[in-house]
Amino acid sequence: MIKQILLVEDSALLRESIKGMLSDFQNISVEDFATTQQDAISLLDKKQYDMMIVDIELLQGNGFEVVKHTLNKNYHLTPPTTVMLTNHANGYYRGLARNLGIKYFFDKSMDFELAIQTIEDEAQRSN
């Protein structure tokens, strides 16, 4: 089964890099992306995603609000597994992520390859 991933990232360079690295895996599909909080929420309300890769700082809004939307009791779909990939990997944001139940939290500059491998492992595990 192919895992549908929503990529919430405002950097075109990073989006293309992530999509390129994940395209090597046959069980993962990154068809949709959002650069703003509202665009991400709109996509999440229309389609079921297995996983979402979210940056904290977006063109407008932030990734934490996107995650909170999927955790709202009125959200009508199954919340996707969240991978937070950010340049703001300090203790404060890690704590916020943990409190929201975000399963994976990675520093873009230090853990990029680990994040990609974790996404692949997670997609394999839930098949």
PDB file of N, CA and C in Angstrom:
ATOM      1  N   MET A   1       0.834  -1.182   0.000  1.00  0.00           N
ATOM      2  CA  MET A   1       0.000   0.000   0.000  1.00  0.00           C
ATOM      3  C   MET A   1       0.880   1.247   0.000  1.00  0.00           C
ATOM      4  N   ILE A   2       0.559   2.203  -0.866  1.00  0.00           N
ATOM      5  CA  ILE A   2       1.339   3.434  -0.966  1.00  0.00           C
ATOM      6  C   ILE A   2       0.865   4.429   0.091  1.00  0.00           C
ATOM      7  N   LYS A   3       1.802   4.966   0.846  1.00  0.00           N
ATOM      8  CA  LYS A   3       1.507   5.928   1.900  1.00  0.00           C
ATOM      9  C   LYS A   3       1.446   7.334   1.308  1.00  0.00           C
ATOM     10  N   GLN A   4       0.343   8.025   1.565  1.00  0.00           N
ATOM     11  CA  GLN A   4       0.149   9.390   1.090  1.00  0.00           C
ATOM     12  C   GLN A   4       0.733  10.360   2.115  1.00  0.00           C
ATOM     13  N   ILE A   5       1.620  11.233   1.647  1.00  0.00           N
ATOM     14  CA  ILE A   5       2.275  12.188   2.535  1.00  0.00           C
ATOM     15  C   ILE A   5       1.953  13.608   2.096  1.00  0.00           C
ATOM     16  N   LEU A   6       1.601  14.444   3.076  1.00  0.00           N
ATOM     17  CA  LEU A   6       1.442  15.878   2.851  1.00  0.00           C
ATOM     18  C   LEU A   6       2.726  16.552   3.334  1.00  0.00           C
ATOM     19  N   LEU A   7       3.319  17.361   2.477  1.00  0.00           N
ATOM     20  CA  LEU A   7       4.547  18.079   2.806  1.00  0.00           C
ATOM     21  C   LEU A   7       4.199  19.546   3.073  1.00  0.00           C
ATOM     22  N   VAL A   8       4.401  19.994   4.307  1.00  0.00           N
ATOM     23  CA  VAL A   8       4.091  21.369   4.704  1.00  0.00           C
ATOM     24  C   VAL A   8       5.422  22.082   4.934  1.00  0.00           C
ATOM     25  N   GLU A   9       5.891  22.746   3.887  1.00  0.00           N
ATOM     26  CA  GLU A   9       7.235  23.361   3.887  1.00  0.00           C
ATOM     27  C   GLU A   9       7.208  24.541   2.923  1.00  0.00           C
ATOM     28  N   ASP A  10       7.674  25.714   3.375  1.00  0.00           N
ATOM     29  CA  ASP A  10       7.624  26.896   2.513  1.00  0.00           C
ATOM     30  C   ASP A  10       8.870  27.086   1.647  1.00  0.00           C
ATOM     31  N   SER A  11       9.915  26.363   1.881  1.00  0.00           N
ATOM     32  CA  SER A  11      11.129  26.472   1.068  1.00  0.00           C
ATOM     33  C   SER A  11      11.035  25.533  -0.141  1.00  0.00           C
ATOM     34  N   ALA A  12      11.009  26.127  -1.336  1.00  0.00           N
ATOM     35  CA  ALA A  12      10.929  25.325  -2.562  1.00  0.00           C
ATOM     36  C   ALA A  12      12.134  24.382  -2.674  1.00  0.00           C
ATOM     37  N   LEU A  13      13.302  24.857  -2.302  1.00  0.00           N
ATOM     38  CA  LEU A  13      14.516  24.043  -2.369  1.00  0.00           C
ATOM     39  C   LEU A  13      14.398  22.808  -1.463  1.00  0.00           C
ATOM     40  N   LEU A  14      13.936  23.009  -0.253  1.00  0.00           N
ATOM     41  CA  LEU A  14      13.767  21.879   0.673  1.00  0.00           C
ATOM     42  C   LEU A  14      12.653  20.936   0.222  1.00  0.00           C
ATOM     43  N   ARG A  15      11.552  21.505  -0.287  1.00  0.00           N
ATOM     44  CA  ARG A  15      10.462  20.650  -0.797  1.00  0.00           C
ATOM     45  C   ARG A  15      10.984  19.724  -1.879  1.00  0.00           C
ATOM     46  N   GLU A  16      11.714  20.286  -2.828  1.00  0.00           N
ATOM     47  CA  GLU A  16      12.235  19.472  -3.932  1.00  0.00           C
ATOM     48  C   GLU A  16      13.245  18.440  -3.436  1.00  0.00           C
ATOM     49  N   SER A  17      14.067  18.817  -2.478  1.00  0.00           N
ATOM     50  CA  SER A  17      15.037  17.889  -1.909  1.00  0.00           C
ATOM     51  C   SER A  17      14.335  16.719  -1.209  1.00  0.00           C
ATOM     52  N   ILE A  18      13.338  17.032  -0.390  1.00  0.00           N
ATOM     53  CA  ILE A  18      12.594  15.987   0.329  1.00  0.00           C
ATOM     54  C   ILE A  18      11.857  15.088  -0.656  1.00  0.00           C
ATOM     55  N   LYS A  19      11.167  15.700  -1.607  1.00  0.00           N
ATOM     56  CA  LYS A  19      10.428  14.908  -2.601  1.00  0.00           C
ATOM     57  C   LYS A  19      11.373  14.015  -3.395  1.00  0.00           C
ATOM     58  N   GLY A  20      12.530  14.567  -3.759  1.00  0.00           N
ATOM     59  CA  GLY A  20      13.510  13.794  -4.512  1.00  0.00           C
ATOM     60  C   GLY A  20      14.020  12.588  -3.738  1.00  0.00           C
ATOM     61  N   MET A  21      14.339  12.801  -2.478  1.00  0.00           N
ATOM     62  CA  MET A  21      14.850  11.696  -1.661  1.00  0.00           C
ATOM     63  C   MET A  21      13.779  10.641  -1.414  1.00  0.00           C
ATOM     64  N   LEU A  22      12.536  11.071  -1.217  1.00  0.00           N
ATOM     65  CA  LEU A  22      11.459  10.109  -0.952  1.00  0.00           C
ATOM     66  C   LEU A  22      10.967   9.415  -2.219  1.00  0.00           C
ATOM     67  N   SER A  23      11.281   9.977  -3.390  1.00  0.00           N
ATOM     68  CA  SER A  23      10.826   9.360  -4.642  1.00  0.00           C
ATOM     69  C   SER A  23      11.519   8.021  -4.889  1.00  0.00           C
ATOM     70  N   ASP A  24      12.625   7.772  -4.200  1.00  0.00           N
ATOM     71  CA  ASP A  24      13.326   6.495  -4.333  1.00  0.00           C
ATOM     72  C   ASP A  24      12.547   5.339  -3.698  1.00  0.00           C
ATOM     73  N   PHE A  25      11.600   5.665  -2.828  1.00  0.00           N
ATOM     74  CA  PHE A  25      10.842   4.648  -2.108  1.00  0.00           C
ATOM     75  C   PHE A  25       9.503   4.418  -2.798  1.00  0.00           C
ATOM     76  N   GLN A  26       9.246   3.188  -3.195  1.00  0.00           N
ATOM     77  CA  GLN A  26       8.048   2.880  -3.982  1.00  0.00           C
ATOM     78  C   GLN A  26       6.760   2.914  -3.168  1.00  0.00           C
ATOM     79  N   ASN A  27       6.853   2.832  -1.861  1.00  0.00           N
ATOM     80  CA  ASN A  27       5.642   2.782  -1.038  1.00  0.00           C
ATOM     81  C   ASN A  27       5.249   4.147  -0.470  1.00  0.00           C
ATOM     82  N   ILE A  28       5.875   5.229  -0.988  1.00  0.00           N
ATOM     83  CA  ILE A  28       5.605   6.577  -0.495  1.00  0.00           C
ATOM     84  C   ILE A  28       5.240   7.481  -1.669  1.00  0.00           C
ATOM     85  N   SER A  29       4.201   8.293  -1.469  1.00  0.00           N
ATOM     86  CA  SER A  29       3.807   9.260  -2.480  1.00  0.00           C
ATOM     87  C   SER A  29       3.652  10.640  -1.840  1.00  0.00           C
ATOM     88  N   VAL A  30       4.424  11.608  -2.353  1.00  0.00           N
ATOM     89  CA  VAL A  30       4.308  12.988  -1.895  1.00  0.00           C
ATOM     90  C   VAL A  30       3.710  13.783  -3.056  1.00  0.00           C
ATOM     91  N   GLU A  31       2.385  13.782  -3.133  1.00  0.00           N
ATOM     92  CA  GLU A  31       1.711  14.466  -4.240  1.00  0.00           C
ATOM     93  C   GLU A  31       1.339  15.904  -3.889  1.00  0.00           C
ATOM     94  N   ASP A  32       1.082  16.155  -2.616  1.00  0.00           N
ATOM     95  CA  ASP A  32       0.572  17.458  -2.213  1.00  0.00           C
ATOM     96  C   ASP A  32       1.534  18.163  -1.275  1.00  0.00           C
ATOM     97  N   PHE A  33       1.572  19.506  -1.399  1.00  0.00           N
ATOM     98  CA  PHE A  33       2.366  20.301  -0.479  1.00  0.00           C
ATOM     99  C   PHE A  33       1.636  21.595  -0.175  1.00  0.00           C
ATOM    100  N   ALA A  34       1.984  22.188   0.949  1.00  0.00           N
ATOM    101  CA  ALA A  34       1.434  23.479   1.352  1.00  0.00           C
ATOM    102  C   ALA A  34       2.573  24.347   1.863  1.00  0.00           C
ATOM    103  N   THR A  35       2.446  25.647   1.641  1.00  0.00           N
ATOM    104  CA  THR A  35       3.464  26.588   2.117  1.00  0.00           C
ATOM    105  C   THR A  35       2.941  27.450   3.256  1.00  0.00           C
ATOM    106  N   THR A  36       1.619  27.384   3.510  1.00  0.00           N
ATOM    107  CA  THR A  36       1.019  28.174   4.588  1.00  0.00           C
ATOM    108  C   THR A  36       0.166  27.274   5.480  1.00  0.00           C
ATOM    109  N   GLN A  37      -0.092  27.773   6.665  1.00  0.00           N
ATOM    110  CA  GLN A  37      -0.933  27.052   7.618  1.00  0.00           C
ATOM    111  C   GLN A  37      -2.321  26.789   7.015  1.00  0.00           C
ATOM    112  N   GLN A  38      -2.929  27.805   6.415  1.00  0.00           N
ATOM    113  CA  GLN A  38      -4.280  27.654   5.888  1.00  0.00           C
ATOM    114  C   GLN A  38      -4.332  26.685   4.714  1.00  0.00           C
ATOM    115  N   ASP A  39      -3.335  26.732   3.830  1.00  0.00           N
ATOM    116  CA  ASP A  39      -3.299  25.784   2.708  1.00  0.00           C
ATOM    117  C   ASP A  39      -3.199  24.347   3.223  1.00  0.00           C
ATOM    118  N   ALA A  40      -2.372  24.141   4.237  1.00  0.00           N
ATOM    119  CA  ALA A  40      -2.213  22.798   4.817  1.00  0.00           C
ATOM    120  C   ALA A  40      -3.530  22.318   5.411  1.00  0.00           C
ATOM    121  N   ILE A  41      -4.195  23.178   6.166  1.00  0.00           N
ATOM    122  CA  ILE A  41      -5.464  22.810   6.788  1.00  0.00           C
ATOM    123  C   ILE A  41      -6.517  22.487   5.725  1.00  0.00           C
ATOM    124  N   SER A  42      -6.557  23.282   4.671  1.00  0.00           N
ATOM    125  CA  SER A  42      -7.509  23.028   3.577  1.00  0.00           C
ATOM    126  C   SER A  42      -7.274  21.652   2.947  1.00  0.00           C
ATOM    127  N   LEU A  43      -6.013  21.323   2.689  1.00  0.00           N
ATOM    128  CA  LEU A  43      -5.698  20.011   2.123  1.00  0.00           C
ATOM    129  C   LEU A  43      -6.059  18.889   3.090  1.00  0.00           C
ATOM    130  N   LEU A  44      -5.749  19.071   4.359  1.00  0.00           N
ATOM    131  CA  LEU A  44      -6.040  18.046   5.364  1.00  0.00           C
ATOM    132  C   LEU A  44      -7.545  17.811   5.531  1.00  0.00           C
ATOM    133  N   ASP A  45      -8.332  18.826   5.272  1.00  0.00           N
ATOM    134  CA  ASP A  45      -9.788  18.680   5.382  1.00  0.00           C
ATOM    135  C   ASP A  45     -10.399  17.965   4.183  1.00  0.00           C
ATOM    136  N   LYS A  46      -9.653  17.896   3.072  1.00  0.00           N
ATOM    137  CA  LYS A  46     -10.184  17.309   1.835  1.00  0.00           C
ATOM    138  C   LYS A  46      -9.735  15.878   1.592  1.00  0.00           C
ATOM    139  N   LYS A  47      -8.616  15.492   2.180  1.00  0.00           N
ATOM    140  CA  LYS A  47      -8.004  14.213   1.804  1.00  0.00           C
ATOM    141  C   LYS A  47      -7.366  13.545   3.017  1.00  0.00           C
ATOM    142  N   GLN A  48      -7.443  12.232   3.054  1.00  0.00           N
ATOM    143  CA  GLN A  48      -6.788  11.464   4.127  1.00  0.00           C
ATOM    144  C   GLN A  48      -5.308  11.272   3.782  1.00  0.00           C
ATOM    145  N   TYR A  49      -4.443  11.683   4.695  1.00  0.00           N
ATOM    146  CA  TYR A  49      -3.001  11.468   4.549  1.00  0.00           C
ATOM    147  C   TYR A  49      -2.550  10.499   5.628  1.00  0.00           C
ATOM    148  N   ASP A  50      -1.597   9.654   5.282  1.00  0.00           N
ATOM    149  CA  ASP A  50      -1.038   8.715   6.250  1.00  0.00           C
ATOM    150  C   ASP A  50      -0.005   9.404   7.131  1.00  0.00           C
ATOM    151  N   MET A  51       0.666  10.389   6.537  1.00  0.00           N
ATOM    152  CA  MET A  51       1.757  11.058   7.236  1.00  0.00           C
ATOM    153  C   MET A  51       1.849  12.491   6.737  1.00  0.00           C
ATOM    154  N   MET A  52       2.336  13.383   7.600  1.00  0.00           N
ATOM    155  CA  MET A  52       2.648  14.731   7.132  1.00  0.00           C
ATOM    156  C   MET A  52       4.000  15.143   7.684  1.00  0.00           C
ATOM    157  N   ILE A  53       4.758  15.797   6.818  1.00  0.00           N
ATOM    158  CA  ILE A  53       6.056  16.344   7.180  1.00  0.00           C
ATOM    159  C   ILE A  53       5.828  17.848   7.320  1.00  0.00           C
ATOM    160  N   VAL A  54       6.090  18.386   8.511  1.00  0.00           N
ATOM    161  CA  VAL A  54       5.712  19.766   8.808  1.00  0.00           C
ATOM    162  C   VAL A  54       6.898  20.565   9.334  1.00  0.00           C
ATOM    163  N   ASP A  55       7.070  21.761   8.772  1.00  0.00           N
ATOM    164  CA  ASP A  55       8.021  22.726   9.314  1.00  0.00           C
ATOM    165  C   ASP A  55       7.276  23.582  10.339  1.00  0.00           C
ATOM    166  N   ILE A  56       7.988  24.144  11.293  1.00  0.00           N
ATOM    167  CA  ILE A  56       7.338  25.024  12.272  1.00  0.00           C
ATOM    168  C   ILE A  56       7.025  26.373  11.638  1.00  0.00           C
ATOM    169  N   GLU A  57       8.021  27.000  11.043  1.00  0.00           N
ATOM    170  CA  GLU A  57       7.853  28.333  10.486  1.00  0.00           C
ATOM    171  C   GLU A  57       7.433  28.232   9.026  1.00  0.00           C
ATOM    172  N   LEU A  58       6.241  28.765   8.723  1.00  0.00           N
ATOM    173  CA  LEU A  58       5.703  28.707   7.377  1.00  0.00           C
ATOM    174  C   LEU A  58       5.585  30.114   6.793  1.00  0.00           C
ATOM    175  N   LEU A  59       5.275  30.186   5.510  1.00  0.00           N
ATOM    176  CA  LEU A  59       5.086  31.469   4.849  1.00  0.00           C
ATOM    177  C   LEU A  59       4.053  32.307   5.602  1.00  0.00           C
ATOM    178  N   GLN A  60       3.015  31.659   6.048  1.00  0.00           N
ATOM    179  CA  GLN A  60       1.986  32.288   6.892  1.00  0.00           C
ATOM    180  C   GLN A  60       1.560  31.246   7.908  1.00  0.00           C
ATOM    181  N   GLY A  61       1.550  31.616   9.176  1.00  0.00           N
ATOM    182  CA  GLY A  61       1.153  30.663  10.209  1.00  0.00           C
ATOM    183  C   GLY A  61       2.307  29.781  10.622  1.00  0.00           C
ATOM    184  N   ASN A  62       1.965  28.680  11.324  1.00  0.00           N
ATOM    185  CA  ASN A  62       3.023  27.769  11.771  1.00  0.00           C
ATOM    186  C   ASN A  62       2.547  26.326  11.814  1.00  0.00           C
ATOM    187  N   GLY A  63       3.508  25.445  11.815  1.00  0.00           N
ATOM    188  CA  GLY A  63       3.234  24.016  11.772  1.00  0.00           C
ATOM    189  C   GLY A  63       2.516  23.473  12.989  1.00  0.00           C
ATOM    190  N   PHE A  64       2.726  24.080  14.139  1.00  0.00           N
ATOM    191  CA  PHE A  64       2.032  23.600  15.337  1.00  0.00           C
ATOM    192  C   PHE A  64       0.521  23.755  15.199  1.00  0.00           C
ATOM    193  N   GLU A  65       0.084  24.851  14.585  1.00  0.00           N
ATOM    194  CA  GLU A  65      -1.356  25.063  14.385  1.00  0.00           C
ATOM    195  C   GLU A  65      -1.926  24.046  13.397  1.00  0.00           C
ATOM    196  N   VAL A  66      -1.128  23.650  12.423  1.00  0.00           N
ATOM    197  CA  VAL A  66      -1.556  22.610  11.474  1.00  0.00           C
ATOM    198  C   VAL A  66      -1.771  21.295  12.222  1.00  0.00           C
ATOM    199  N   VAL A  67      -0.824  20.936  13.071  1.00  0.00           N
ATOM    200  CA  VAL A  67      -0.938  19.700  13.850  1.00  0.00           C
ATOM    201  C   VAL A  67      -2.143  19.776  14.785  1.00  0.00           C
ATOM    202  N   LYS A  68      -2.309  20.903  15.457  1.00  0.00           N
ATOM    203  CA  LYS A  68      -3.452  21.063  16.374  1.00  0.00           C
ATOM    204  C   LYS A  68      -4.770  20.853  15.641  1.00  0.00           C
ATOM    205  N   HIS A  69      -4.846  21.309  14.400  1.00  0.00           N
ATOM    206  CA  HIS A  69      -6.076  21.138  13.616  1.00  0.00           C
ATOM    207  C   HIS A  69      -6.445  19.655  13.489  1.00  0.00           C
ATOM    208  N   THR A  70      -5.452  18.806  13.254  1.00  0.00           N
ATOM    209  CA  THR A  70      -5.723  17.368  13.072  1.00  0.00           C
ATOM    210  C   THR A  70      -6.054  16.678  14.388  1.00  0.00           C
ATOM    211  N   LEU A  71      -5.735  17.335  15.504  1.00  0.00           N
ATOM    212  CA  LEU A  71      -6.003  16.752  16.816  1.00  0.00           C
ATOM    213  C   LEU A  71      -7.320  17.238  17.417  1.00  0.00           C
ATOM    214  N   ASN A  72      -7.945  18.198  16.759  1.00  0.00           N
ATOM    215  CA  ASN A  72      -9.226  18.735  17.218  1.00  0.00           C
ATOM    216  C   ASN A  72     -10.279  17.624  17.192  1.00  0.00           C
ATOM    217  N   LYS A  73     -11.107  17.560  18.216  1.00  0.00           N
ATOM    218  CA  LYS A  73     -12.121  16.488  18.298  1.00  0.00           C
ATOM    219  C   LYS A  73     -13.110  16.534  17.140  1.00  0.00           C
ATOM    220  N   ASN A  74     -13.223  17.669  16.462  1.00  0.00           N
ATOM    221  CA  ASN A  74     -14.127  17.791  15.317  1.00  0.00           C
ATOM    222  C   ASN A  74     -13.468  17.426  13.986  1.00  0.00           C
ATOM    223  N   TYR A  75     -12.179  17.111  14.010  1.00  0.00           N
ATOM    224  CA  TYR A  75     -11.495  16.717  12.771  1.00  0.00           C
ATOM    225  C   TYR A  75     -12.070  15.380  12.323  1.00  0.00           C
ATOM    226  N   HIS A  76     -12.566  15.325  11.103  1.00  0.00           N
ATOM    227  CA  HIS A  76     -13.351  14.176  10.640  1.00  0.00           C
ATOM    228  C   HIS A  76     -12.537  13.036  10.010  1.00  0.00           C
ATOM    229  N   LEU A  77     -11.231  13.203   9.875  1.00  0.00           N
ATOM    230  CA  LEU A  77     -10.386  12.149   9.307  1.00  0.00           C
ATOM    231  C   LEU A  77      -9.421  11.638  10.377  1.00  0.00           C
ATOM    232  N   THR A  78      -8.736  10.553  10.074  1.00  0.00           N
ATOM    233  CA  THR A  78      -7.728  10.032  10.997  1.00  0.00           C
ATOM    234  C   THR A  78      -6.499  10.942  10.957  1.00  0.00           C
ATOM    235  N   PRO A  79      -6.044  11.438  12.102  1.00  0.00           N
ATOM    236  CA  PRO A  79      -4.855  12.303  12.089  1.00  0.00           C
ATOM    237  C   PRO A  79      -3.642  11.555  11.527  1.00  0.00           C
ATOM    238  N   PRO A  80      -2.913  12.193  10.606  1.00  0.00           N
ATOM    239  CA  PRO A  80      -1.722  11.534  10.064  1.00  0.00           C
ATOM    240  C   PRO A  80      -0.588  11.501  11.081  1.00  0.00           C
ATOM    241  N   THR A  81       0.307  10.553  10.917  1.00  0.00           N
ATOM    242  CA  THR A  81       1.537  10.537  11.704  1.00  0.00           C
ATOM    243  C   THR A  81       2.330  11.786  11.327  1.00  0.00           C
ATOM    244  N   THR A  82       2.823  12.500  12.323  1.00  0.00           N
ATOM    245  CA  THR A  82       3.518  13.762  12.054  1.00  0.00           C
ATOM    246  C   THR A  82       5.021  13.628  12.237  1.00  0.00           C
ATOM    247  N   VAL A  83       5.736  14.141  11.234  1.00  0.00           N
ATOM    248  CA  VAL A  83       7.189  14.281  11.295  1.00  0.00           C
ATOM    249  C   VAL A  83       7.457  15.777  11.229  1.00  0.00           C
ATOM    250  N   MET A  84       7.990  16.356  12.305  1.00  0.00           N
ATOM    251  CA  MET A  84       8.324  17.778  12.305  1.00  0.00           C
ATOM    252  C   MET A  84       9.789  17.909  11.951  1.00  0.00           C
ATOM    253  N   LEU A  85      10.050  18.677  10.892  1.00  0.00           N
ATOM    254  CA  LEU A  85      11.406  18.871  10.376  1.00  0.00           C
ATOM    255  C   LEU A  85      11.642  20.379  10.344  1.00  0.00           C
ATOM    256  N   THR A  86      12.532  20.877  11.207  1.00  0.00           N
ATOM    257  CA  THR A  86      12.629  22.317  11.417  1.00  0.00           C
ATOM    258  C   THR A  86      14.051  22.790  11.665  1.00  0.00           C
ATOM    259  N   ASN A  87      14.253  24.080  11.470  1.00  0.00           N
ATOM    260  CA  ASN A  87      15.508  24.721  11.865  1.00  0.00           C
ATOM    261  C   ASN A  87      15.439  25.202  13.311  1.00  0.00           C
ATOM    262  N   HIS A  88      14.263  25.093  13.908  1.00  0.00           N
ATOM    263  CA  HIS A  88      14.045  25.573  15.282  1.00  0.00           C
ATOM    264  C   HIS A  88      13.941  24.386  16.243  1.00  0.00           C
ATOM    265  N   ALA A  89      15.001  23.623  16.339  1.00  0.00           N
ATOM    266  CA  ALA A  89      14.972  22.388  17.123  1.00  0.00           C
ATOM    267  C   ALA A  89      15.461  22.602  18.552  1.00  0.00           C
ATOM    268  N   ASN A  90      15.060  23.701  19.155  1.00  0.00           N
ATOM    269  CA  ASN A  90      15.475  23.945  20.535  1.00  0.00           C
ATOM    270  C   ASN A  90      14.551  23.237  21.519  1.00  0.00           C
ATOM    271  N   GLY A  91      14.930  23.278  22.777  1.00  0.00           N
ATOM    272  CA  GLY A  91      14.184  22.567  23.810  1.00  0.00           C
ATOM    273  C   GLY A  91      12.741  23.016  23.941  1.00  0.00           C
ATOM    274  N   TYR A  92      12.497  24.317  23.781  1.00  0.00           N
ATOM    275  CA  TYR A  92      11.128  24.838  23.893  1.00  0.00           C
ATOM    276  C   TYR A  92      10.217  24.191  22.839  1.00  0.00           C
ATOM    277  N   TYR A  93      10.658  24.208  21.586  1.00  0.00           N
ATOM    278  CA  TYR A  93       9.842  23.638  20.512  1.00  0.00           C
ATOM    279  C   TYR A  93       9.748  22.115  20.617  1.00  0.00           C
ATOM    280  N   ARG A  94      10.815  21.485  21.058  1.00  0.00           N
ATOM    281  CA  ARG A  94      10.747  20.032  21.274  1.00  0.00           C
ATOM    282  C   ARG A  94       9.678  19.696  22.317  1.00  0.00           C
ATOM    283  N   GLY A  95       9.629  20.514  23.382  1.00  0.00           N
ATOM    284  CA  GLY A  95       8.622  20.319  24.416  1.00  0.00           C
ATOM    285  C   GLY A  95       7.216  20.514  23.891  1.00  0.00           C
ATOM    286  N   LEU A  96       7.006  21.555  23.090  1.00  0.00           N
ATOM    287  CA  LEU A  96       5.687  21.769  22.480  1.00  0.00           C
ATOM    288  C   LEU A  96       5.294  20.570  21.615  1.00  0.00           C
ATOM    289  N   ALA A  97       6.242  20.098  20.828  1.00  0.00           N
ATOM    290  CA  ALA A  97       5.973  18.949  19.956  1.00  0.00           C
ATOM    291  C   ALA A  97       5.606  17.718  20.784  1.00  0.00           C
ATOM    292  N   ARG A  98       6.346  17.477  21.818  1.00  0.00           N
ATOM    293  CA  ARG A  98       6.085  16.327  22.691  1.00  0.00           C
ATOM    294  C   ARG A  98       4.689  16.437  23.315  1.00  0.00           C
ATOM    295  N   ASN A  99       4.334  17.628  23.781  1.00  0.00           N
ATOM    296  CA  ASN A  99       3.026  17.847  24.404  1.00  0.00           C
ATOM    297  C   ASN A  99       1.872  17.645  23.426  1.00  0.00           C
ATOM    298  N   LEU A 100       2.127  17.884  22.146  1.00  0.00           N
ATOM    299  CA  LEU A 100       1.093  17.658  21.128  1.00  0.00           C
ATOM    300  C   LEU A 100       1.062  16.198  20.658  1.00  0.00           C
ATOM    301  N   GLY A 101       2.012  15.417  21.114  1.00  0.00           N
ATOM    302  CA  GLY A 101       2.058  14.017  20.696  1.00  0.00           C
ATOM    303  C   GLY A 101       2.696  13.806  19.336  1.00  0.00           C
ATOM    304  N   ILE A 102       3.509  14.766  18.904  1.00  0.00           N
ATOM    305  CA  ILE A 102       4.207  14.623  17.623  1.00  0.00           C
ATOM    306  C   ILE A 102       5.236  13.514  17.767  1.00  0.00           C
ATOM    307  N   LYS A 103       5.113  12.523  16.910  1.00  0.00           N
ATOM    308  CA  LYS A 103       5.916  11.313  17.050  1.00  0.00           C
ATOM    309  C   LYS A 103       7.399  11.524  16.725  1.00  0.00           C
ATOM    310  N   TYR A 104       7.669  12.338  15.708  1.00  0.00           N
ATOM    311  CA  TYR A 104       9.052  12.519  15.260  1.00  0.00           C
ATOM    312  C   TYR A 104       9.372  14.006  15.138  1.00  0.00           C
ATOM    313  N   PHE A 105      10.522  14.414  15.668  1.00  0.00           N
ATOM    314  CA  PHE A 105      10.952  15.809  15.652  1.00  0.00           C
ATOM    315  C   PHE A 105      12.425  15.837  15.260  1.00  0.00           C
ATOM    316  N   PHE A 106      12.745  16.497  14.135  1.00  0.00           N
ATOM    317  CA  PHE A 106      14.114  16.502  13.629  1.00  0.00           C
ATOM    318  C   PHE A 106      14.600  17.907  13.315  1.00  0.00           C
ATOM    319  N   ASP A 107      15.897  18.113  13.509  1.00  0.00           N
ATOM    320  CA  ASP A 107      16.588  19.340  13.132  1.00  0.00           C
ATOM    321  C   ASP A 107      16.992  19.194  11.660  1.00  0.00           C
ATOM    322  N   LYS A 108      16.551  20.144  10.815  1.00  0.00           N
ATOM    323  CA  LYS A 108      16.869  20.070   9.381  1.00  0.00           C
ATOM    324  C   LYS A 108      18.369  20.011   9.123  1.00  0.00           C
ATOM    325  N   SER A 109      19.127  20.809   9.849  1.00  0.00           N
ATOM    326  CA  SER A 109      20.563  20.899   9.557  1.00  0.00           C
ATOM    327  C   SER A 109      21.363  19.716  10.083  1.00  0.00           C
ATOM    328  N   MET A 110      20.869  19.056  11.122  1.00  0.00           N
ATOM    329  CA  MET A 110      21.638  17.971  11.743  1.00  0.00           C
ATOM    330  C   MET A 110      21.085  16.570  11.438  1.00  0.00           C
ATOM    331  N   ASP A 111      19.777  16.465  11.257  1.00  0.00           N
ATOM    332  CA  ASP A 111      19.127  15.152  11.210  1.00  0.00           C
ATOM    333  C   ASP A 111      18.394  14.863   9.904  1.00  0.00           C
ATOM    334  N   PHE A 112      18.758  15.550   8.820  1.00  0.00           N
ATOM    335  CA  PHE A 112      17.987  15.425   7.581  1.00  0.00           C
ATOM    336  C   PHE A 112      17.918  13.983   7.070  1.00  0.00           C
ATOM    337  N   GLU A 113      19.072  13.325   6.957  1.00  0.00           N
ATOM    338  CA  GLU A 113      19.081  11.940   6.459  1.00  0.00           C
ATOM    339  C   GLU A 113      18.345  11.002   7.406  1.00  0.00           C
ATOM    340  N   LEU A 114      18.504  11.223   8.697  1.00  0.00           N
ATOM    341  CA  LEU A 114      17.794  10.415   9.689  1.00  0.00           C
ATOM    342  C   LEU A 114      16.286  10.601   9.541  1.00  0.00           C
ATOM    343  N   ALA A 115      15.853  11.827   9.292  1.00  0.00           N
ATOM    344  CA  ALA A 115      14.422  12.091   9.097  1.00  0.00           C
ATOM    345  C   ALA A 115      13.894  11.329   7.885  1.00  0.00           C
ATOM    346  N   ILE A 116      14.618  11.371   6.784  1.00  0.00           N
ATOM    347  CA  ILE A 116      14.194  10.665   5.564  1.00  0.00           C
ATOM    348  C   ILE A 116      14.123   9.160   5.831  1.00  0.00           C
ATOM    349  N   GLN A 117      15.131   8.620   6.505  1.00  0.00           N
ATOM    350  CA  GLN A 117      15.132   7.188   6.820  1.00  0.00           C
ATOM    351  C   GLN A 117      13.977   6.834   7.753  1.00  0.00           C
ATOM    352  N   THR A 118      13.683   7.684   8.708  1.00  0.00           N
ATOM    353  CA  THR A 118      12.583   7.449   9.644  1.00  0.00           C
ATOM    354  C   THR A 118      11.241   7.440   8.914  1.00  0.00           C
ATOM    355  N   ILE A 119      11.083   8.340   7.954  1.00  0.00           N
ATOM    356  CA  ILE A 119       9.845   8.377   7.156  1.00  0.00           C
ATOM    357  C   ILE A 119       9.681   7.064   6.398  1.00  0.00           C
ATOM    358  N   GLU A 120      10.747   6.601   5.787  1.00  0.00           N
ATOM    359  CA  GLU A 120      10.694   5.320   5.066  1.00  0.00           C
ATOM    360  C   GLU A 120      10.398   4.174   6.025  1.00  0.00           C
ATOM    361  N   ASP A 121      11.063   4.142   7.165  1.00  0.00           N
ATOM    362  CA  ASP A 121      10.833   3.084   8.155  1.00  0.00           C
ATOM    363  C   ASP A 121       9.376   3.096   8.634  1.00  0.00           C
ATOM    364  N   GLU A 122       8.856   4.269   8.895  1.00  0.00           N
ATOM    365  CA  GLU A 122       7.466   4.400   9.361  1.00  0.00           C
ATOM    366  C   GLU A 122       6.489   3.919   8.282  1.00  0.00           C
ATOM    367  N   ALA A 123       6.760   4.262   7.053  1.00  0.00           N
ATOM    368  CA  ALA A 123       5.891   3.828   5.948  1.00  0.00           C
ATOM    369  C   ALA A 123       5.928   2.295   5.807  1.00  0.00           C
ATOM    370  N   GLN A 124       7.100   1.708   5.976  1.00  0.00           N
ATOM    371  CA  GLN A 124       7.233   0.247   5.904  1.00  0.00           C
ATOM    372  C   GLN A 124       6.521  -0.437   7.066  1.00  0.00           C
ATOM    373  N   ARG A 125       6.672   0.132   8.243  1.00  0.00           N
ATOM    374  CA  ARG A 125       6.123  -0.448   9.452  1.00  0.00           C
ATOM    375  C   ARG A 125       4.593  -0.516   9.418  1.00  0.00           C
ATOM    376  N   SER A 126       3.971   0.498   8.852  1.00  0.00           N
ATOM    377  CA  SER A 126       2.515   0.548   8.867  1.00  0.00           C
ATOM    378  C   SER A 126       1.873  -0.084   7.639  1.00  0.00           C
ATOM    379  N   ASN A 127       2.653  -0.820   6.876  1.00  0.00           N
ATOM    380  CA  ASN A 127       2.090  -1.516   5.701  1.00  0.00           C
ATOM    381  C   ASN A 127       1.398  -2.799   6.120  1.00  0.00           C
TER     382      ASN A 127
END
